[in-house]
C-alpha atoms as a PDB file:
ATOM      1  CA  MET A   1     -17.195  14.362   9.234  1.00  0.00           C
ATOM      2  CA  TYR A   2     -17.913  17.937  10.241  1.00  0.00           C
ATOM      3  CA  VAL A   3     -20.364  19.854   8.043  1.00  0.00           C
ATOM      4  CA  VAL A   4     -20.023  23.635   7.927  1.00  0.00           C
ATOM      5  CA  THR A   5     -22.559  26.297   7.063  1.00  0.00           C
ATOM      6  CA  GLY A   6     -22.193  28.495   3.991  1.00  0.00           C
ATOM      7  CA  GLU A   7     -21.032  31.347   6.193  1.00  0.00           C
ATOM      8  CA  GLU A   8     -18.399  29.169   7.879  1.00  0.00           C
ATOM      9  CA  MET A   9     -17.176  27.937   4.495  1.00  0.00           C
ATOM     10  CA  GLY A  10     -16.780  31.530   3.348  1.00  0.00           C
ATOM     11  CA  VAL A  11     -14.550  32.229   6.365  1.00  0.00           C
ATOM     12  CA  ILE A  12     -12.509  29.093   5.645  1.00  0.00           C
ATOM     13  CA  ASP A  13     -12.135  30.049   1.968  1.00  0.00           C
ATOM     14  CA  ARG A  14     -11.053  33.599   2.794  1.00  0.00           C
ATOM     15  CA  ARG A  15      -8.511  32.345   5.303  1.00  0.00           C
ATOM     16  CA  ALA A  16      -7.100  29.830   2.830  1.00  0.00           C
ATOM     17  CA  ILE A  17      -6.788  32.534   0.175  1.00  0.00           C
ATOM     18  CA  GLU A  18      -5.549  35.408   2.328  1.00  0.00           C
ATOM     19  CA  GLU A  19      -3.544  33.733   5.078  1.00  0.00           C
ATOM     20  CA  TYR A  20      -2.261  30.622   3.329  1.00  0.00           C
ATOM     21  CA  LYS A  21      -2.036  32.221  -0.146  1.00  0.00           C
ATOM     22  CA  ILE A  22      -3.888  29.396  -1.889  1.00  0.00           C
ATOM     23  CA  PRO A  23      -5.357  30.756  -5.127  1.00  0.00           C
ATOM     24  CA  GLY A  24      -9.159  30.660  -5.200  1.00  0.00           C
ATOM     25  CA  ILE A  25      -9.121  28.894  -8.570  1.00  0.00           C
ATOM     26  CA  LEU A  26      -7.075  26.085  -7.025  1.00  0.00           C
ATOM     27  CA  LEU A  27      -9.545  25.706  -4.161  1.00  0.00           C
ATOM     28  CA  MET A  28     -12.403  25.564  -6.674  1.00  0.00           C
ATOM     29  CA  GLU A  29     -10.645  23.045  -8.906  1.00  0.00           C
ATOM     30  CA  ASN A  30      -9.768  20.767  -5.979  1.00  0.00           C
ATOM     31  CA  ALA A  31     -13.349  20.898  -4.670  1.00  0.00           C
ATOM     32  CA  ALA A  32     -14.676  20.037  -8.122  1.00  0.00           C
ATOM     33  CA  LEU A  33     -12.218  17.207  -8.730  1.00  0.00           C
ATOM     34  CA  ARG A  34     -12.901  15.584  -5.361  1.00  0.00           C
ATOM     35  CA  SER A  35     -16.665  15.966  -5.813  1.00  0.00           C
ATOM     36  CA  ALA A  36     -16.478  14.353  -9.250  1.00  0.00           C
ATOM     37  CA  CYS A  37     -14.446  11.464  -7.806  1.00  0.00           C
ATOM     38  CA  ILE A  38     -17.045  10.901  -5.091  1.00  0.00           C
ATOM     39  CA  ILE A  39     -19.884  10.981  -7.637  1.00  0.00           C
ATOM     40  CA  GLU A  40     -18.050   8.443  -9.810  1.00  0.00           C
ATOM     41  CA  SER A  41     -17.395   6.136  -6.849  1.00  0.00           C
ATOM     42  CA  GLU A  42     -20.957   6.274  -5.500  1.00  0.00           C
ATOM     43  CA  TYR A  43     -22.954   6.043  -8.748  1.00  0.00           C
ATOM     44  CA  GLU A  44     -22.724   4.027 -11.941  1.00  0.00           C
ATOM     45  CA  ILE A  45     -22.483   6.934 -14.380  1.00  0.00           C
ATOM     46  CA  SER A  46     -20.585   5.415 -17.296  1.00  0.00           C
ATOM     47  CA  GLY A  47     -22.454   6.063 -20.532  1.00  0.00           C
ATOM     48  CA  LYS A  48     -25.248   7.997 -18.815  1.00  0.00           C
ATOM     49  CA  ASN A  49     -26.356  11.568 -19.288  1.00  0.00           C
ATOM     50  CA  ILE A  50     -25.815  13.731 -16.235  1.00  0.00           C
ATOM     51  CA  ILE A  51     -27.322  17.146 -15.572  1.00  0.00           C
ATOM     52  CA  VAL A  52     -25.447  19.504 -13.272  1.00  0.00           C
ATOM     53  CA  PHE A  53     -27.445  22.480 -11.980  1.00  0.00           C
ATOM     54  CA  ALA A  54     -25.145  25.363 -11.107  1.00  0.00           C
ATOM     55  CA  GLY A  55     -26.132  28.744  -9.755  1.00  0.00           C
ATOM     56  CA  GLY A  56     -24.182  31.954  -9.842  1.00  0.00           C
ATOM     57  CA  GLY A  57     -21.072  32.809  -7.884  1.00  0.00           C
ATOM     58  CA  ASN A  58     -18.264  30.565  -6.739  1.00  0.00           C
ATOM     59  CA  ASN A  59     -20.450  27.517  -6.177  1.00  0.00           C
ATOM     60  CA  GLY A  60     -21.659  27.824  -9.748  1.00  0.00           C
ATOM     61  CA  GLY A  61     -18.044  27.696 -10.881  1.00  0.00           C
ATOM     62  CA  VAL A  62     -17.494  24.536  -8.877  1.00  0.00           C
ATOM     63  CA  GLY A  63     -20.604  23.013 -10.464  1.00  0.00           C
ATOM     64  CA  LEU A  64     -19.307  23.746 -13.946  1.00  0.00           C
ATOM     65  CA  ALA A  65     -15.911  22.293 -13.063  1.00  0.00           C
ATOM     66  CA  ILE A  66     -17.601  19.136 -11.691  1.00  0.00           C
ATOM     67  CA  ALA A  67     -19.469  18.798 -14.990  1.00  0.00           C
ATOM     68  CA  ARG A  68     -16.181  19.187 -16.895  1.00  0.00           C
ATOM     69  CA  HIS A  69     -14.445  16.502 -14.826  1.00  0.00           C
ATOM     70  CA  LEU A  70     -17.343  14.075 -15.252  1.00  0.00           C
ATOM     71  CA  TYR A  71     -17.462  14.767 -18.985  1.00  0.00           C
ATOM     72  CA  LEU A  72     -13.716  14.159 -19.362  1.00  0.00           C
ATOM     73  CA  ALA A  73     -14.048  10.934 -17.350  1.00  0.00           C
ATOM     74  CA  GLY A  74     -16.532   9.684 -19.934  1.00  0.00           C
END
């Protein structure tokens, strides 16, 4: 797996949005859904309270979407 910096991710996001015409909301929703799936597969979370800390900006939006997916999954 290749890990990118925040700056590199910004370039990737902009390219996906501008060059490939992928809506930013779709990128955010896919990131959140996949993150929630990984959390569910790695941790026993059923019936437990989970706290998601989310800052401002786009990453904060992803954090809120992760929380929503985990909530809907029970």
